[in-house]
PDB file of all heavy atoms in Angstrom:
ATOM      1  N   ALA A   1    -224.372  -9.165   3.979  1.00  0.00           N
ATOM      2  CA  ALA A   1    -223.755  -7.960   3.429  1.00  0.00           C
ATOM      3  C   ALA A   1    -223.352  -8.252   1.986  1.00  0.00           C
ATOM      4  O   ALA A   1    -223.373  -9.403   1.536  1.00  0.00           O
ATOM      5  CB  ALA A   1    -222.536  -7.555   4.249  1.00  0.00           C
ATOM      6  N   PHE A   2    -222.994  -7.184   1.280  1.00  0.00           N
ATOM      7  CA  PHE A   2    -222.628  -7.344  -0.129  1.00  0.00           C
ATOM      8  C   PHE A   2    -221.299  -6.660  -0.395  1.00  0.00           C
ATOM      9  O   PHE A   2    -220.982  -5.620   0.185  1.00  0.00           O
ATOM     10  CB  PHE A   2    -223.710  -6.746  -1.033  1.00  0.00           C
ATOM     11  CG  PHE A   2    -225.034  -7.453  -0.938  1.00  0.00           C
ATOM     12  CD1 PHE A   2    -225.955  -7.103   0.044  1.00  0.00           C
ATOM     13  CD2 PHE A   2    -225.357  -8.467  -1.824  1.00  0.00           C
ATOM     14  CE1 PHE A   2    -227.182  -7.755   0.136  1.00  0.00           C
ATOM     15  CE2 PHE A   2    -226.570  -9.131  -1.732  1.00  0.00           C
ATOM     16  CZ  PHE A   2    -227.486  -8.779  -0.755  1.00  0.00           C
ATOM     17  N   VAL A   3    -220.525  -7.258  -1.300  1.00  0.00           N
ATOM     18  CA  VAL A   3    -219.225  -6.711  -1.665  1.00  0.00           C
ATOM     19  C   VAL A   3    -219.087  -6.763  -3.183  1.00  0.00           C
ATOM     20  O   VAL A   3    -219.628  -7.664  -3.836  1.00  0.00           O
ATOM     21  CB  VAL A   3    -218.082  -7.509  -0.991  1.00  0.00           C
ATOM     22  CG1 VAL A   3    -218.100  -8.964  -1.432  1.00  0.00           C
ATOM     23  CG2 VAL A   3    -216.739  -6.874  -1.281  1.00  0.00           C
ATOM     24  N   LEU A   4    -218.417  -5.790  -3.748  1.00  0.00           N
ATOM     25  CA  LEU A   4    -218.211  -5.751  -5.193  1.00  0.00           C
ATOM     26  C   LEU A   4    -217.363  -6.934  -5.634  1.00  0.00           C
ATOM     27  O   LEU A   4    -216.324  -7.221  -5.042  1.00  0.00           O
ATOM     28  CB  LEU A   4    -217.507  -4.444  -5.578  1.00  0.00           C
ATOM     29  CG  LEU A   4    -217.190  -4.253  -7.071  1.00  0.00           C
ATOM     30  CD1 LEU A   4    -218.478  -4.092  -7.868  1.00  0.00           C
ATOM     31  CD2 LEU A   4    -216.294  -3.030  -7.265  1.00  0.00           C
ATOM     32  N   ASN A   5    -217.808  -7.613  -6.676  1.00  0.00           N
ATOM     33  CA  ASN A   5    -217.058  -8.726  -7.234  1.00  0.00           C
ATOM     34  C   ASN A   5    -216.074  -8.185  -8.263  1.00  0.00           C
ATOM     35  O   ASN A   5    -216.436  -7.933  -9.416  1.00  0.00           O
ATOM     36  CB  ASN A   5    -218.005  -9.740  -7.878  1.00  0.00           C
ATOM     37  CG  ASN A   5    -217.258 -10.929  -8.473  1.00  0.00           C
ATOM     38  OD1 ASN A   5    -216.048 -11.088  -8.255  1.00  0.00           O
ATOM     39  ND2 ASN A   5    -217.977 -11.758  -9.213  1.00  0.00           N
ATOM     40  N   THR A   6    -214.838  -7.976  -7.846  1.00  0.00           N
ATOM     41  CA  THR A   6    -213.841  -7.376  -8.733  1.00  0.00           C
ATOM     42  C   THR A   6    -213.436  -8.307  -9.869  1.00  0.00           C
ATOM     43  O   THR A   6    -212.773  -7.878 -10.811  1.00  0.00           O
ATOM     44  CB  THR A   6    -212.586  -6.981  -7.930  1.00  0.00           C
ATOM     45  OG1 THR A   6    -212.082  -8.135  -7.250  1.00  0.00           O
ATOM     46  CG2 THR A   6    -212.918  -5.894  -6.911  1.00  0.00           C
ATOM     47  N   ALA A   7    -213.856  -9.577  -9.784  1.00  0.00           N
ATOM     48  CA  ALA A   7    -213.552 -10.530 -10.850  1.00  0.00           C
ATOM     49  C   ALA A   7    -214.713 -10.666 -11.836  1.00  0.00           C
ATOM     50  O   ALA A   7    -214.654 -11.491 -12.755  1.00  0.00           O
ATOM     51  CB  ALA A   7    -213.221 -11.886 -10.247  1.00  0.00           C
ATOM     52  N   PHE A   8    -215.743  -9.854 -11.670  1.00  0.00           N
ATOM     53  CA  PHE A   8    -216.903  -9.923 -12.563  1.00  0.00           C
ATOM     54  C   PHE A   8    -216.459  -9.661 -14.001  1.00  0.00           C
ATOM     55  O   PHE A   8    -215.735  -8.698 -14.278  1.00  0.00           O
ATOM     56  CB  PHE A   8    -217.950  -8.896 -12.125  1.00  0.00           C
ATOM     57  CG  PHE A   8    -219.209  -8.908 -12.945  1.00  0.00           C
ATOM     58  CD1 PHE A   8    -219.958 -10.067 -13.073  1.00  0.00           C
ATOM     59  CD2 PHE A   8    -219.637  -7.760 -13.592  1.00  0.00           C
ATOM     60  CE1 PHE A   8    -221.125 -10.074 -13.813  1.00  0.00           C
ATOM     61  CE2 PHE A   8    -220.795  -7.763 -14.343  1.00  0.00           C
ATOM     62  CZ  PHE A   8    -221.549  -8.927 -14.454  1.00  0.00           C
ATOM     63  N   GLN A   9    -216.889 -10.497 -14.914  1.00  0.00           N
ATOM     64  CA  GLN A   9    -216.402 -10.483 -16.290  1.00  0.00           C
ATOM     65  C   GLN A   9    -216.580  -9.135 -16.996  1.00  0.00           C
ATOM     66  O   GLN A   9    -215.727  -8.693 -17.756  1.00  0.00           O
ATOM     67  CB  GLN A   9    -217.106 -11.572 -17.099  1.00  0.00           C
ATOM     68  CG  GLN A   9    -216.638 -11.666 -18.548  1.00  0.00           C
ATOM     69  CD  GLN A   9    -217.380 -12.749 -19.322  1.00  0.00           C
ATOM     70  OE1 GLN A   9    -218.301 -13.378 -18.804  1.00  0.00           O
ATOM     71  NE2 GLN A   9    -216.970 -12.977 -20.562  1.00  0.00           N
ATOM     72  N   HIS A  10    -217.697  -8.458 -16.725  1.00  0.00           N
ATOM     73  CA  HIS A  10    -218.004  -7.222 -17.453  1.00  0.00           C
ATOM     74  C   HIS A  10    -217.804  -5.968 -16.604  1.00  0.00           C
ATOM     75  O   HIS A  10    -218.374  -4.914 -16.907  1.00  0.00           O
ATOM     76  CB  HIS A  10    -219.454  -7.268 -17.961  1.00  0.00           C
ATOM     77  CG  HIS A  10    -219.786  -8.522 -18.710  1.00  0.00           C
ATOM     78  ND1 HIS A  10    -219.070  -8.952 -19.794  1.00  0.00           N
ATOM     79  CD2 HIS A  10    -220.754  -9.448 -18.495  1.00  0.00           C
ATOM     80  CE1 HIS A  10    -219.585 -10.093 -20.238  1.00  0.00           C
ATOM     81  NE2 HIS A  10    -220.601 -10.410 -19.468  1.00  0.00           N
ATOM     82  N   LEU A  11    -217.007  -6.082 -15.560  1.00  0.00           N
ATOM     83  CA  LEU A  11    -216.860  -4.963 -14.627  1.00  0.00           C
ATOM     84  C   LEU A  11    -216.306  -3.712 -15.307  1.00  0.00           C
ATOM     85  O   LEU A  11    -216.809  -2.608 -15.089  1.00  0.00           O
ATOM     86  CB  LEU A  11    -215.944  -5.360 -13.471  1.00  0.00           C
ATOM     87  CG  LEU A  11    -215.812  -4.331 -12.342  1.00  0.00           C
ATOM     88  CD1 LEU A  11    -217.158  -4.111 -11.669  1.00  0.00           C
ATOM     89  CD2 LEU A  11    -214.778  -4.778 -11.313  1.00  0.00           C
ATOM     90  N   ILE A  12    -215.279  -3.838 -16.124  1.00  0.00           N
ATOM     91  CA  ILE A  12    -214.634  -2.677 -16.738  1.00  0.00           C
ATOM     92  C   ILE A  12    -215.581  -1.918 -17.663  1.00  0.00           C
ATOM     93  O   ILE A  12    -215.720  -0.689 -17.546  1.00  0.00           O
ATOM     94  CB  ILE A  12    -213.343  -3.090 -17.472  1.00  0.00           C
ATOM     95  CG1 ILE A  12    -212.296  -3.550 -16.449  1.00  0.00           C
ATOM     96  CG2 ILE A  12    -212.802  -1.925 -18.299  1.00  0.00           C
ATOM     97  CD1 ILE A  12    -210.996  -4.029 -17.065  1.00  0.00           C
ATOM     98  N   PRO A  13    -216.270  -2.578 -18.620  1.00  0.00           N
ATOM     99  CA  PRO A  13    -217.195  -1.813 -19.472  1.00  0.00           C
ATOM    100  C   PRO A  13    -218.349  -1.201 -18.701  1.00  0.00           C
ATOM    101  O   PRO A  13    -218.785  -0.088 -19.013  1.00  0.00           O
ATOM    102  CB  PRO A  13    -217.680  -2.843 -20.501  1.00  0.00           C
ATOM    103  CG  PRO A  13    -217.379  -4.173 -19.906  1.00  0.00           C
ATOM    104  CD  PRO A  13    -216.156  -3.979 -19.070  1.00  0.00           C
ATOM    105  N   ILE A  14    -218.837  -1.896 -17.675  1.00  0.00           N
ATOM    106  CA  ILE A  14    -219.925  -1.347 -16.868  1.00  0.00           C
ATOM    107  C   ILE A  14    -219.448  -0.119 -16.100  1.00  0.00           C
ATOM    108  O   ILE A  14    -220.142   0.896 -16.022  1.00  0.00           O
ATOM    109  CB  ILE A  14    -220.471  -2.419 -15.902  1.00  0.00           C
ATOM    110  CG1 ILE A  14    -221.286  -3.455 -16.683  1.00  0.00           C
ATOM    111  CG2 ILE A  14    -221.339  -1.774 -14.813  1.00  0.00           C
ATOM    112  CD1 ILE A  14    -221.778  -4.606 -15.835  1.00  0.00           C
ATOM    113  N   GLU A  15    -218.242  -0.210 -15.537  1.00  0.00           N
ATOM    114  CA  GLU A  15    -217.672   0.921 -14.808  1.00  0.00           C
ATOM    115  C   GLU A  15    -217.475   2.115 -15.739  1.00  0.00           C
ATOM    116  O   GLU A  15    -217.731   3.261 -15.370  1.00  0.00           O
ATOM    117  CB  GLU A  15    -216.340   0.517 -14.183  1.00  0.00           C
ATOM    118  CG  GLU A  15    -215.684   1.620 -13.362  1.00  0.00           C
ATOM    119  CD  GLU A  15    -214.386   1.167 -12.736  1.00  0.00           C
ATOM    120  OE1 GLU A  15    -213.726   0.280 -13.318  1.00  0.00           O
ATOM    121  OE2 GLU A  15    -214.023   1.691 -11.674  1.00  0.00           O
ATOM    122  N   THR A  16    -217.038   1.852 -16.970  1.00  0.00           N
ATOM    123  CA  THR A  16    -216.826   2.918 -17.944  1.00  0.00           C
ATOM    124  C   THR A  16    -218.119   3.662 -18.224  1.00  0.00           C
ATOM    125  O   THR A  16    -218.134   4.892 -18.343  1.00  0.00           O
ATOM    126  CB  THR A  16    -216.268   2.332 -19.260  1.00  0.00           C
ATOM    127  OG1 THR A  16    -215.028   1.678 -18.988  1.00  0.00           O
ATOM    128  CG2 THR A  16    -216.040   3.428 -20.285  1.00  0.00           C
ATOM    129  N   ILE A  17    -219.213   2.933 -18.314  1.00  0.00           N
ATOM    130  CA  ILE A  17    -220.511   3.553 -18.593  1.00  0.00           C
ATOM    131  C   ILE A  17    -221.033   4.313 -17.382  1.00  0.00           C
ATOM    132  O   ILE A  17    -221.325   5.505 -17.450  1.00  0.00           O
ATOM    133  CB  ILE A  17    -221.541   2.487 -19.018  1.00  0.00           C
ATOM    134  CG1 ILE A  17    -221.150   1.866 -20.355  1.00  0.00           C
ATOM    135  CG2 ILE A  17    -222.936   3.108 -19.113  1.00  0.00           C
ATOM    136  CD1 ILE A  17    -222.028   0.694 -20.768  1.00  0.00           C
ATOM    137  N   ILE A  18    -221.142   3.622 -16.260  1.00  0.00           N
ATOM    138  CA  ILE A  18    -221.818   4.196 -15.099  1.00  0.00           C
ATOM    139  C   ILE A  18    -221.036   5.335 -14.462  1.00  0.00           C
ATOM    140  O   ILE A  18    -221.629   6.288 -13.940  1.00  0.00           O
ATOM    141  CB  ILE A  18    -222.107   3.096 -14.056  1.00  0.00           C
ATOM    142  CG1 ILE A  18    -223.150   2.133 -14.627  1.00  0.00           C
ATOM    143  CG2 ILE A  18    -222.611   3.690 -12.740  1.00  0.00           C
ATOM    144  CD1 ILE A  18    -223.558   1.035 -13.680  1.00  0.00           C
ATOM    145  N   LEU A  19    -219.709   5.282 -14.503  1.00  0.00           N
ATOM    146  CA  LEU A  19    -218.910   6.344 -13.900  1.00  0.00           C
ATOM    147  C   LEU A  19    -218.447   7.385 -14.908  1.00  0.00           C
ATOM    148  O   LEU A  19    -217.646   8.258 -14.570  1.00  0.00           O
ATOM    149  CB  LEU A  19    -217.690   5.747 -13.179  1.00  0.00           C
ATOM    150  CG  LEU A  19    -217.983   4.826 -12.003  1.00  0.00           C
ATOM    151  CD1 LEU A  19    -216.698   4.468 -11.279  1.00  0.00           C
ATOM    152  CD2 LEU A  19    -218.990   5.441 -11.041  1.00  0.00           C
ATOM    153  N   HIS A  20    -218.957   7.316 -16.112  1.00  0.00           N
ATOM    154  CA  HIS A  20    -218.614   8.350 -17.094  1.00  0.00           C
ATOM    155  C   HIS A  20    -219.144   9.695 -16.590  1.00  0.00           C
ATOM    156  O   HIS A  20    -220.235   9.766 -16.018  1.00  0.00           O
ATOM    157  CB  HIS A  20    -219.218   8.018 -18.458  1.00  0.00           C
ATOM    158  CG  HIS A  20    -218.755   8.925 -19.553  1.00  0.00           C
ATOM    159  ND1 HIS A  20    -219.392  10.115 -19.843  1.00  0.00           N
ATOM    160  CD2 HIS A  20    -217.703   8.842 -20.391  1.00  0.00           C
ATOM    161  CE1 HIS A  20    -218.744  10.712 -20.832  1.00  0.00           C
ATOM    162  NE2 HIS A  20    -217.721   9.965 -21.184  1.00  0.00           N
ATOM    163  N   PRO A  21    -218.385  10.787 -16.782  1.00  0.00           N
ATOM    164  CA  PRO A  21    -218.794  12.109 -16.286  1.00  0.00           C
ATOM    165  C   PRO A  21    -220.204  12.523 -16.684  1.00  0.00           C
ATOM    166  O   PRO A  21    -220.883  13.230 -15.938  1.00  0.00           O
ATOM    167  CB  PRO A  21    -217.752  13.048 -16.904  1.00  0.00           C
ATOM    168  CG  PRO A  21    -216.540  12.190 -17.038  1.00  0.00           C
ATOM    169  CD  PRO A  21    -217.041  10.825 -17.400  1.00  0.00           C
ATOM    170  N   ASP A  22    -220.676  12.089 -17.847  1.00  0.00           N
ATOM    171  CA  ASP A  22    -222.010  12.479 -18.298  1.00  0.00           C
ATOM    172  C   ASP A  22    -223.107  11.981 -17.376  1.00  0.00           C
ATOM    173  O   ASP A  22    -224.220  12.515 -17.368  1.00  0.00           O
ATOM    174  CB  ASP A  22    -222.276  11.949 -19.711  1.00  0.00           C
ATOM    175  CG  ASP A  22    -221.488  12.703 -20.760  1.00  0.00           C
ATOM    176  OD1 ASP A  22    -220.799  13.684 -20.391  1.00  0.00           O
ATOM    177  OD2 ASP A  22    -221.543  12.324 -21.938  1.00  0.00           O
ATOM    178  N   PHE A  23    -222.832  10.944 -16.585  1.00  0.00           N
ATOM    179  CA  PHE A  23    -223.851  10.362 -15.729  1.00  0.00           C
ATOM    180  C   PHE A  23    -223.719  10.755 -14.267  1.00  0.00           C
ATOM    181  O   PHE A  23    -224.426  10.250 -13.420  1.00  0.00           O
ATOM    182  CB  PHE A  23    -223.837   8.840 -15.864  1.00  0.00           C
ATOM    183  CG  PHE A  23    -224.161   8.368 -17.239  1.00  0.00           C
ATOM    184  CD1 PHE A  23    -223.311   7.530 -17.909  1.00  0.00           C
ATOM    185  CD2 PHE A  23    -225.316   8.795 -17.869  1.00  0.00           C
ATOM    186  CE1 PHE A  23    -223.604   7.110 -19.193  1.00  0.00           C
ATOM    187  CE2 PHE A  23    -225.613   8.389 -19.151  1.00  0.00           C
ATOM    188  CZ  PHE A  23    -224.757   7.541 -19.824  1.00  0.00           C
ATOM    189  N   LEU A  24    -222.797  11.640 -13.966  1.00  0.00           N
ATOM    190  CA  LEU A  24    -222.627  12.084 -12.586  1.00  0.00           C
ATOM    191  C   LEU A  24    -223.422  13.355 -12.293  1.00  0.00           C
ATOM    192  O   LEU A  24    -223.264  13.965 -11.250  1.00  0.00           O
ATOM    193  CB  LEU A  24    -221.138  12.283 -12.277  1.00  0.00           C
ATOM    194  CG  LEU A  24    -220.328  10.991 -12.246  1.00  0.00           C
ATOM    195  CD1 LEU A  24    -218.859  11.274 -11.966  1.00  0.00           C
ATOM    196  CD2 LEU A  24    -220.867  10.032 -11.186  1.00  0.00           C
TER     197      LEU A  24
END
């Protein structure tokens, strides 16, 4: 199984991009 690595170094900028309203 797979789980999100909340300690991933670039998680915040990646989250900002992928979950930005323009991409939903």
